[in-house]
N, C-alpha and C. Protein backbone atom coordinates (compact mmCIF):
# COMPACT_ATOMS: atom_id res chain seq x y z
N MET A 1 12.64 6.80 -16.69
CA MET A 1 13.57 7.62 -15.57
C MET A 1 13.96 6.94 -14.02
N LEU A 2 14.72 7.09 -14.86
CA LEU A 2 15.15 6.10 -12.53
C LEU A 2 15.92 6.87 -11.69
N MET A 3 15.24 6.80 -11.11
CA MET A 3 14.68 6.91 -10.29
C MET A 3 16.38 6.57 -8.72
N SER A 4 16.56 7.29 -7.97
CA SER A 4 18.05 6.75 -6.89
C SER A 4 16.76 6.42 -4.96
N GLY A 5 15.96 6.11 -5.25
CA GLY A 5 14.63 5.98 -4.44
C GLY A 5 14.96 6.36 -3.19
N LYS A 6 16.21 8.00 -2.96
CA LYS A 6 16.13 8.45 -1.51
C LYS A 6 15.66 9.23 -1.59
N TYR A 7 14.63 9.77 -1.08
CA TYR A 7 13.63 11.38 -0.55
C TYR A 7 13.87 11.98 0.58
N LEU A 8 14.28 13.32 0.25
CA LEU A 8 14.21 14.18 1.12
C LEU A 8 12.77 15.18 1.11
N LEU A 9 11.88 15.01 2.33
CA LEU A 9 10.86 14.75 2.41
C LEU A 9 10.80 16.67 2.54
N ASP A 10 9.85 17.36 2.17
CA ASP A 10 10.03 19.14 2.63
C ASP A 10 8.38 18.79 2.88
N THR A 11 8.33 20.57 3.56
CA THR A 11 6.80 20.50 4.77
C THR A 11 5.55 19.82 4.03
N ASN A 12 5.35 20.37 2.74
CA ASN A 12 4.31 19.69 2.86
C ASN A 12 4.45 17.85 2.42
N ILE A 13 5.14 17.28 2.74
CA ILE A 13 5.33 15.72 2.13
C ILE A 13 4.79 15.19 3.80
N ILE A 14 5.46 15.80 4.81
CA ILE A 14 5.67 15.54 6.05
C ILE A 14 4.41 15.86 6.61
N ILE A 15 3.46 17.23 6.09
CA ILE A 15 1.88 17.77 6.54
C ILE A 15 0.76 16.48 6.05
N ALA A 16 1.56 16.00 4.64
CA ALA A 16 0.09 14.80 4.08
C ALA A 16 0.89 13.54 4.98
N LEU A 17 1.94 13.23 4.91
CA LEU A 17 1.83 11.80 6.88
C LEU A 17 1.29 12.15 7.80
N PHE A 18 0.98 13.08 7.97
CA PHE A 18 0.58 13.27 9.07
C PHE A 18 -1.16 13.51 8.96
N ALA A 19 -1.62 13.47 7.64
CA ALA A 19 -2.93 13.98 7.07
C ALA A 19 -3.23 12.54 6.81
N ASP A 20 -1.92 11.39 6.63
CA ASP A 20 -2.24 9.50 6.60
C ASP A 20 -2.62 10.14 5.04
N GLU A 21 -2.52 10.66 3.91
CA GLU A 21 -2.42 10.07 2.48
C GLU A 21 -1.61 9.18 2.13
N ALA A 22 -2.89 8.09 1.20
CA ALA A 22 -2.64 7.34 1.16
C ALA A 22 -0.80 6.81 0.18
N ILE A 23 -1.81 7.95 -0.84
CA ILE A 23 -0.62 8.06 -2.16
C ILE A 23 0.33 8.62 -1.85
N VAL A 24 1.20 9.48 -0.63
CA VAL A 24 2.75 9.66 -0.01
C VAL A 24 2.78 8.52 0.86
N LYS A 25 1.73 7.90 1.36
CA LYS A 25 2.62 6.77 1.47
C LYS A 25 3.16 5.85 0.99
N ASP A 26 2.10 5.57 0.17
CA ASP A 26 2.41 4.55 -1.39
C ASP A 26 3.71 4.53 -0.90
N ASN A 27 3.78 5.89 -1.60
CA ASN A 27 5.44 6.24 -2.51
C ASN A 27 6.62 6.23 -1.17
N LEU A 28 6.06 6.38 -0.17
CA LEU A 28 7.53 6.09 0.43
C LEU A 28 7.96 4.82 1.25
N ALA A 29 6.76 3.87 1.32
CA ALA A 29 7.00 2.78 1.54
C ALA A 29 8.25 1.92 -0.03
N GLN A 30 8.34 2.65 -0.59
CA GLN A 30 9.04 2.24 -1.41
C GLN A 30 9.90 3.17 -1.28
N ALA A 31 10.35 4.19 -1.21
CA ALA A 31 11.98 4.24 -1.16
C ALA A 31 12.79 3.33 -0.12
N SER A 32 14.33 3.84 0.01
CA SER A 32 14.78 3.35 0.13
C SER A 32 16.00 3.60 1.13
N GLU A 33 15.82 4.67 1.67
CA GLU A 33 16.41 5.70 2.67
C GLU A 33 15.37 7.27 2.50
N VAL A 34 14.90 7.59 3.28
CA VAL A 34 13.87 8.84 3.51
C VAL A 34 14.61 10.47 4.44
N PHE A 35 14.88 11.49 4.02
CA PHE A 35 15.98 12.15 5.17
C PHE A 35 14.56 13.42 4.92
N ILE A 36 14.90 14.00 6.39
CA ILE A 36 14.14 15.79 6.84
C ILE A 36 14.97 16.14 6.92
N SER A 37 15.42 17.37 6.69
CA SER A 37 16.17 19.13 7.25
C SER A 37 15.76 18.86 8.23
N HIS A 38 16.90 19.31 9.49
CA HIS A 38 16.75 19.41 10.63
C HIS A 38 15.76 20.99 9.86
N SER A 39 16.21 21.65 9.34
CA SER A 39 14.59 22.69 9.73
C SER A 39 13.28 22.22 9.31
N GLN A 40 13.25 21.06 9.15
CA GLN A 40 11.79 20.81 8.95
C GLN A 40 10.88 20.62 11.38
N ILE A 41 12.06 20.19 11.31
CA ILE A 41 11.76 19.29 12.72
C ILE A 41 10.42 20.69 13.70
N PRO A 42 11.79 21.58 13.47
CA PRO A 42 10.72 21.96 14.35
C PRO A 42 9.40 23.02 14.30
N GLU A 43 9.47 22.37 13.19
CA GLU A 43 7.46 23.14 11.85
C GLU A 43 6.70 22.23 12.11
């Protein structure tokens, strides 16, 4: 399966990033673009 390299982050992934989870950071490091929804910013 070919992936585009673009990610839209949900709340759980953002929390995992703040928790410094290595698997999440490693996967996002390979992304070409990362987006967050404006509804996640205030959370």
